[in-house]
Structure formats: C-alpha cells, structure tokens
Amino acid sequence: MTNPLDDPLTIAEQNFASRLLIGSSSFPNNQVMLDSIEASSAQIVTVAIRRVDLGGAGENILDLLEDNYFILPNTAGCFTAKDAILTAKLAREALETDWVKLEVIGDRDTLYPDVEQLLRAAEELVDSGFKVMPYCTDDPITCRKLADLGCVAVMPLGAPIGSGMGVLNPYNIEIIRRIINIPVIVDAGIGTASDAALAMELGCDGVLLASAVSRAHNPVMMARAMKSAVTAGRLAHRAGRIPRKRFAQASSPESGIIGT
C-alpha cells in the first residue's frame, strides 16, 4: 500500500501508511465489518481480547483479520490494573505480539479511564517488554507521565466512548501534542468525518474510531468518509491554517484599485 502523503505514521519504529485506526466491534455482521475496514484503508485494527474465544473452538474474528491487518489487541472490559495486565499477557501468548492498546476503565457509566490503575498497568507492561498504547483522559499531565513511563503512543479521548460528541477539548489535545514526543492518537468520541478532520488539524498523529463507523446507517460509506477526513486533516495541518482574526481582511490586493 502506498502512502499518498509520503508521510507514514511511525509507532515504535514501525511505519503505517494509514493514520486511521479502526475497531472491530459492534458491526451488524462480519461482512459489514470486513467491507468497512477495507473501505477505511486502515492497517491497524483493534480487537477486544476479552471478547474473543482464544480456545480455538470455531472461527473467530482473528481468523477473519489477522492475515490482512496489523492486529492491536486491547484490554477493553478491564477495571483493574491486575486484570488489564493479565489480559495483555494472554494476548501476547495467543497472538505472539508485544503490542497492546491498554484500557483500564474506572466507571461503567462514563467509561472514563481510571488514571491510577492505568499508570500502574502501563508501568508493569512496559517493564515486561510490551509496546503500550494507553487509552487515557485528555489530561496533559497524565499523558506526559505515560510517555515518561515508556509508552509508545498516548491515546487521549476526544469525548466519552461511543458518545459521538467529537473533540470536546481541542485546547488540551493541542497541549498534549506540544509537550510529548511520542505519537498522539485521538481515541473515543469521534462521531463524524469533521470530528476526525479536526483531530488531525490539531496536530494529532492519528485517529482511532469504532462506533462512528460500526453504528452509522451506512458503515461502509462512513468508513470511506473517515479515510478522506483523516487525510484532509493531516494535509491541512501540514499546510498550516491562516490565523484567526476578529475583522475581515480582503483576499484581493488593494493596491492599484481604480479610483484610489
């Protein structure tokens, strides 16, 4: 796969042509999932390990994906550092990968991360040789601590999981991007293409989404929209937007105007 931007997403010294990461859950059926992921051009696909039968009894979602995509196991459904660490280690044994999207949830209603448990789990997993990509709050201090622990990326939420509210605090996302030197990937809250474009315009290195595609009226069409949005947002960030001003500024030159 070629990258039209010649600008790959680099995480832990591994390059990916697409800056869109996509989840594999909540689709109406497996065929819609496969068609949507293909339409998105995403290379990294997240899979909730606690929801996959690793016992080898019958076909599972990994059988459908692992030959064509980079599988990023996640610890969705874990509420303690202990559970998340165990889940990550099960994923490493089953999938033979050191990569993990680390999730430690603190509350069933908001699905916000438990920062204390997240930091504890991240530290132990990094020490155990994992390439950790933590789902975290949009708190710059938490993100800096995760980076200092040795995580290979941070994944601050744009809004609560599945809310579709978009990027609620763009200023924090900009601060996070400025103060740490590992990839920043907005994770959670994306609802439509403009949300994804905004995340990229803020300077983020990528966007991870799931519900925005899987629960759309037409998931395949929305996946195409997200692909274009991420590309457009990245191009806009690299091009550099004009400054915001309180008053108008003519786009045509004023010198040489007849009658002046």
Protein backbone atom coordinates (compact mmCIF):
# COMPACT_ATOMS: atom_id res chain seq x y z
CA MET A 1 0.00 0.00 0.00
CA THR A 2 1.43 3.38 -0.98
CA ASN A 3 1.04 6.49 1.09
CA PRO A 4 -0.11 9.48 -0.98
CA LEU A 5 1.37 11.84 1.60
CA ASP A 6 4.71 10.04 1.80
CA ASP A 7 4.18 10.72 5.48
CA PRO A 8 3.79 7.44 7.38
CA LEU A 9 2.53 7.06 10.92
CA THR A 10 5.50 5.75 12.89
CA ILE A 11 4.92 3.96 16.17
CA ALA A 12 7.78 2.16 17.92
CA GLU A 13 9.85 2.39 14.73
CA GLN A 14 7.15 0.65 12.69
CA ASN A 15 5.61 2.55 9.78
CA PHE A 16 1.96 2.53 8.76
CA ALA A 17 0.66 4.20 5.62
CA SER A 18 -2.75 4.95 7.12
CA ARG A 19 -3.26 7.26 10.07
CA LEU A 20 -6.74 5.88 10.67
CA LEU A 21 -7.05 3.04 13.18
CA ILE A 22 -10.35 1.20 13.44
CA GLY A 23 -12.10 -1.03 15.93
CA SER A 24 -13.70 -4.35 15.03
CA SER A 25 -16.69 -4.45 17.39
CA SER A 26 -20.39 -3.50 17.16
CA PHE A 27 -20.79 -4.06 13.42
CA PRO A 28 -24.10 -5.55 12.23
CA ASN A 29 -22.24 -8.61 10.97
CA ASN A 30 -18.77 -9.78 9.99
CA GLN A 31 -19.17 -9.00 6.31
CA VAL A 32 -20.07 -5.38 7.02
CA MET A 33 -17.07 -5.22 9.34
CA LEU A 34 -14.71 -6.53 6.68
CA ASP A 35 -16.13 -4.25 3.97
CA SER A 36 -15.91 -1.24 6.26
CA ILE A 37 -12.33 -1.88 7.32
CA GLU A 38 -11.33 -2.32 3.70
CA ALA A 39 -13.10 0.92 2.73
CA SER A 40 -11.29 2.79 5.50
CA SER A 41 -7.84 1.69 4.27
CA ALA A 42 -6.87 1.27 7.92
CA GLN A 43 -3.98 -1.06 8.58
CA ILE A 44 -4.25 -1.25 12.36
CA VAL A 45 -7.40 -2.96 13.65
CA THR A 46 -8.11 -3.23 17.36
CA VAL A 47 -9.62 -6.39 18.82
CA ALA A 48 -11.02 -6.74 22.34
CA ILE A 49 -9.23 -9.82 23.63
CA ARG A 50 -11.70 -10.46 26.45
CA ARG A 51 -14.43 -10.85 23.84
CA VAL A 52 -12.54 -13.33 21.65
CA ASP A 53 -12.54 -17.09 22.15
CA LEU A 54 -8.84 -17.93 22.25
CA GLY A 55 -9.53 -21.61 22.81
CA GLY A 56 -9.56 -22.43 19.11
CA ALA A 57 -13.18 -23.60 19.06
CA GLY A 58 -14.53 -22.49 15.69
CA GLU A 59 -13.81 -19.42 13.61
CA ASN A 60 -13.41 -16.12 15.45
CA ILE A 61 -12.76 -12.55 14.47
CA LEU A 62 -9.00 -13.04 14.50
CA ASP A 63 -9.31 -15.67 11.77
CA LEU A 64 -11.01 -13.07 9.58
CA LEU A 65 -8.49 -10.29 10.16
CA GLU A 66 -5.02 -11.48 11.06
CA ASP A 67 -3.82 -12.28 7.55
CA ASN A 68 -4.59 -8.82 6.18
CA TYR A 69 -4.25 -6.36 9.05
CA PHE A 70 -2.00 -5.41 11.93
CA ILE A 71 -3.95 -6.66 14.93
CA LEU A 72 -3.75 -4.45 18.00
CA PRO A 73 -5.22 -6.35 20.97
CA ASN A 74 -6.92 -4.22 23.57
CA THR A 75 -7.83 -4.76 27.19
CA ALA A 76 -11.40 -3.44 26.88
CA GLY A 77 -13.59 -4.52 29.76
CA CYS A 78 -10.83 -4.38 32.38
CA PHE A 79 -11.45 -2.36 35.55
CA THR A 80 -8.20 -3.01 37.42
CA ALA A 81 -4.52 -2.95 36.58
CA LYS A 82 -4.31 -6.62 37.53
CA ASP A 83 -6.99 -7.65 35.02
CA ALA A 84 -5.52 -5.49 32.27
CA ILE A 85 -2.03 -6.92 32.77
CA LEU A 86 -3.34 -10.47 32.71
CA THR A 87 -5.36 -9.79 29.56
CA ALA A 88 -2.34 -8.26 27.83
CA LYS A 89 -0.22 -11.28 28.70
CA LEU A 90 -2.89 -13.65 27.37
CA ALA A 91 -2.95 -11.67 24.14
CA ARG A 92 0.84 -11.85 23.84
CA GLU A 93 0.76 -15.60 24.25
CA ALA A 94 -2.15 -16.16 21.88
CA LEU A 95 -1.24 -13.67 19.15
CA GLU A 96 2.54 -13.60 19.58
CA THR A 97 2.60 -9.81 19.79
CA ASP A 98 4.05 -7.38 22.30
CA TRP A 99 1.69 -4.62 21.18
CA VAL A 100 -1.32 -3.72 23.32
CA LYS A 101 -3.88 -0.98 23.50
CA LEU A 102 -4.20 -0.58 27.24
CA GLU A 103 -7.62 0.21 28.67
CA VAL A 104 -8.42 0.32 32.38
CA ILE A 105 -11.91 1.66 32.90
CA GLY A 106 -12.95 3.32 36.13
CA ASP A 107 -16.69 3.69 35.71
CA ARG A 108 -19.34 1.72 33.79
CA ASP A 109 -21.47 4.77 33.03
CA THR A 110 -18.82 7.14 31.66
CA LEU A 111 -16.25 4.51 30.59
CA TYR A 112 -13.59 7.00 31.63
CA PRO A 113 -10.12 5.61 32.32
CA ASP A 114 -9.00 5.01 35.88
CA VAL A 115 -5.78 7.01 35.78
CA GLU A 116 -4.23 5.46 38.90
CA GLN A 117 -4.81 1.90 37.67
CA LEU A 118 -3.80 2.84 34.12
CA LEU A 119 -0.43 4.22 35.19
CA ARG A 120 0.20 1.15 37.32
CA ALA A 121 -0.63 -1.23 34.49
CA ALA A 122 1.36 0.77 31.93
CA GLU A 123 4.48 0.73 34.08
CA GLU A 124 4.38 -3.03 34.63
CA LEU A 125 3.63 -3.82 30.99
CA VAL A 126 6.39 -1.55 29.69
CA ASP A 127 8.81 -3.21 32.13
CA SER A 128 7.65 -6.58 30.74
CA GLY A 129 8.58 -5.58 27.20
CA PHE A 130 5.18 -4.55 25.87
CA LYS A 131 4.66 -1.75 23.36
CA VAL A 132 1.90 0.02 25.24
CA MET A 133 -0.64 2.37 23.67
CA PRO A 134 -2.85 3.57 26.55
CA TYR A 135 -6.37 4.93 26.23
CA CYS A 136 -6.38 7.86 28.61
CA THR A 137 -8.06 11.10 29.57
CA ASP A 138 -7.25 14.31 27.70
CA ASP A 139 -5.14 15.43 30.65
CA PRO A 140 -1.71 16.65 29.55
CA ILE A 141 -0.10 15.63 32.85
CA THR A 142 -1.37 12.06 32.61
CA CYS A 143 -0.20 11.85 29.01
CA ARG A 144 3.24 13.12 29.96
CA LYS A 145 3.50 10.56 32.76
CA LEU A 146 2.55 7.77 30.35
CA ALA A 147 5.17 8.96 27.88
CA ASP A 148 7.79 9.11 30.64
CA LEU A 149 6.96 5.52 31.60
CA GLY A 150 7.92 4.40 28.09
CA CYS A 151 4.59 4.03 26.29
CA VAL A 152 4.98 4.09 22.50
CA ALA A 153 1.93 6.34 21.98
CA VAL A 154 -0.80 8.00 24.01
CA MET A 155 -4.46 7.82 23.06
CA PRO A 156 -6.41 10.61 24.77
CA LEU A 157 -10.18 10.56 24.41
CA GLY A 158 -11.91 13.22 22.37
CA ALA A 159 -15.15 12.55 24.26
CA PRO A 160 -16.66 9.58 26.13
CA ILE A 161 -16.58 6.24 24.30
CA GLY A 162 -19.44 5.87 21.83
CA SER A 163 -20.83 9.35 22.55
CA GLY A 164 -20.19 10.78 19.08
CA MET A 165 -19.57 14.18 20.69
CA GLY A 166 -16.35 14.82 18.80
CA VAL A 167 -13.28 16.56 20.23
CA LEU A 168 -14.69 18.40 23.25
CA ASN A 169 -11.43 19.96 24.44
CA PRO A 170 -9.24 20.80 21.46
CA TYR A 171 -7.02 23.02 23.61
CA ASN A 172 -5.93 20.12 25.79
CA ILE A 173 -5.24 18.00 22.73
CA GLU A 174 -3.02 20.75 21.35
CA ILE A 175 -1.15 20.97 24.65
CA ILE A 176 -0.64 17.20 24.73
CA ARG A 177 0.74 17.25 21.21
CA ARG A 178 3.13 20.05 22.13
CA ILE A 179 4.58 18.62 25.35
CA ILE A 180 5.27 14.99 24.42
CA ASN A 181 7.36 13.49 21.64
CA ILE A 182 5.55 10.19 21.01
CA PRO A 183 2.53 9.76 18.73
CA VAL A 184 -0.78 11.21 19.91
CA ILE A 185 -3.83 9.34 18.63
CA VAL A 186 -7.31 10.62 19.49
CA ASP A 187 -9.36 7.68 20.70
CA ALA A 188 -13.08 7.73 21.50
CA GLY A 189 -15.85 10.21 20.89
CA ILE A 190 -15.48 10.67 17.14
CA GLY A 191 -18.94 10.90 15.58
CA THR A 192 -18.49 12.00 12.00
CA ALA A 193 -15.87 12.94 9.44
CA SER A 194 -15.46 16.55 10.57
CA ASP A 195 -14.51 15.32 14.06
CA ALA A 196 -11.73 13.18 12.62
CA ALA A 197 -10.51 16.03 10.43
CA LEU A 198 -10.39 18.38 13.42
CA ALA A 199 -8.34 15.91 15.45
CA MET A 200 -5.80 15.74 12.65
CA GLU A 201 -5.80 19.52 12.13
CA LEU A 202 -4.85 19.87 15.79
CA GLY A 203 -1.64 18.01 15.02
CA CYS A 204 -2.57 14.53 16.17
CA ASP A 205 -0.71 11.68 14.55
CA GLY A 206 -3.78 9.52 14.05
CA VAL A 207 -7.39 8.79 14.94
CA LEU A 208 -8.85 5.58 16.34
CA LEU A 209 -12.58 5.12 15.98
CA ALA A 210 -15.13 2.34 16.09
CA SER A 211 -18.73 3.30 16.83
CA ALA A 212 -18.67 6.19 14.36
CA VAL A 213 -18.39 3.61 11.59
CA SER A 214 -19.93 0.45 13.02
CA ARG A 215 -23.11 2.21 14.18
CA ALA A 216 -23.53 4.52 11.19
CA HIS A 217 -26.57 4.00 8.97
CA ASN A 218 -24.13 3.00 6.23
CA PRO A 219 -20.89 1.80 7.86
CA VAL A 220 -19.00 1.27 4.59
CA MET A 221 -19.81 4.75 3.34
CA MET A 222 -18.85 6.28 6.69
CA ALA A 223 -15.56 4.38 6.62
CA ARG A 224 -14.76 5.99 3.27
CA ALA A 225 -15.64 9.39 4.72
CA MET A 226 -13.35 8.85 7.70
CA LYS A 227 -10.49 7.83 5.43
CA SER A 228 -10.82 11.07 3.47
CA ALA A 229 -11.26 13.16 6.62
CA VAL A 230 -8.08 11.89 8.25
CA THR A 231 -6.12 12.52 5.06
CA ALA A 232 -7.61 16.01 4.64
CA GLY A 233 -6.97 16.92 8.27
CA ARG A 234 -3.36 15.80 8.07
CA LEU A 235 -2.79 17.79 4.88
CA ALA A 236 -4.38 20.87 6.43
CA HIS A 237 -2.15 20.57 9.49
CA ARG A 238 0.95 20.27 7.38
CA ALA A 239 -0.12 23.16 5.13
CA GLY A 240 -0.79 25.48 8.08
CA ARG A 241 -4.07 27.32 8.58
CA ILE A 242 -4.35 31.10 8.34
CA PRO A 243 -4.54 32.98 11.64
CA ARG A 244 -7.96 33.69 13.12
CA LYS A 245 -8.79 37.41 13.10
CA ARG A 246 -11.65 39.43 14.58
CA PHE A 247 -12.06 41.59 11.47
CA ALA A 248 -12.18 41.00 7.73
CA GLN A 249 -9.11 41.02 5.55
CA ALA A 250 -9.65 41.30 1.81
CA SER A 251 -8.43 38.35 -0.21
CA SER A 252 -7.76 40.56 -3.26
CA PRO A 253 -4.88 43.10 -3.21
CA GLU A 254 -5.98 46.66 -2.57
CA SER A 255 -3.14 48.36 -4.41
CA GLY A 256 -3.97 49.60 -7.89
CA ILE A 257 -7.74 49.66 -7.34
CA ILE A 258 -9.44 52.05 -9.80
CA GLY A 259 -10.32 55.35 -8.16
CA THR A 260 -7.75 55.13 -5.40
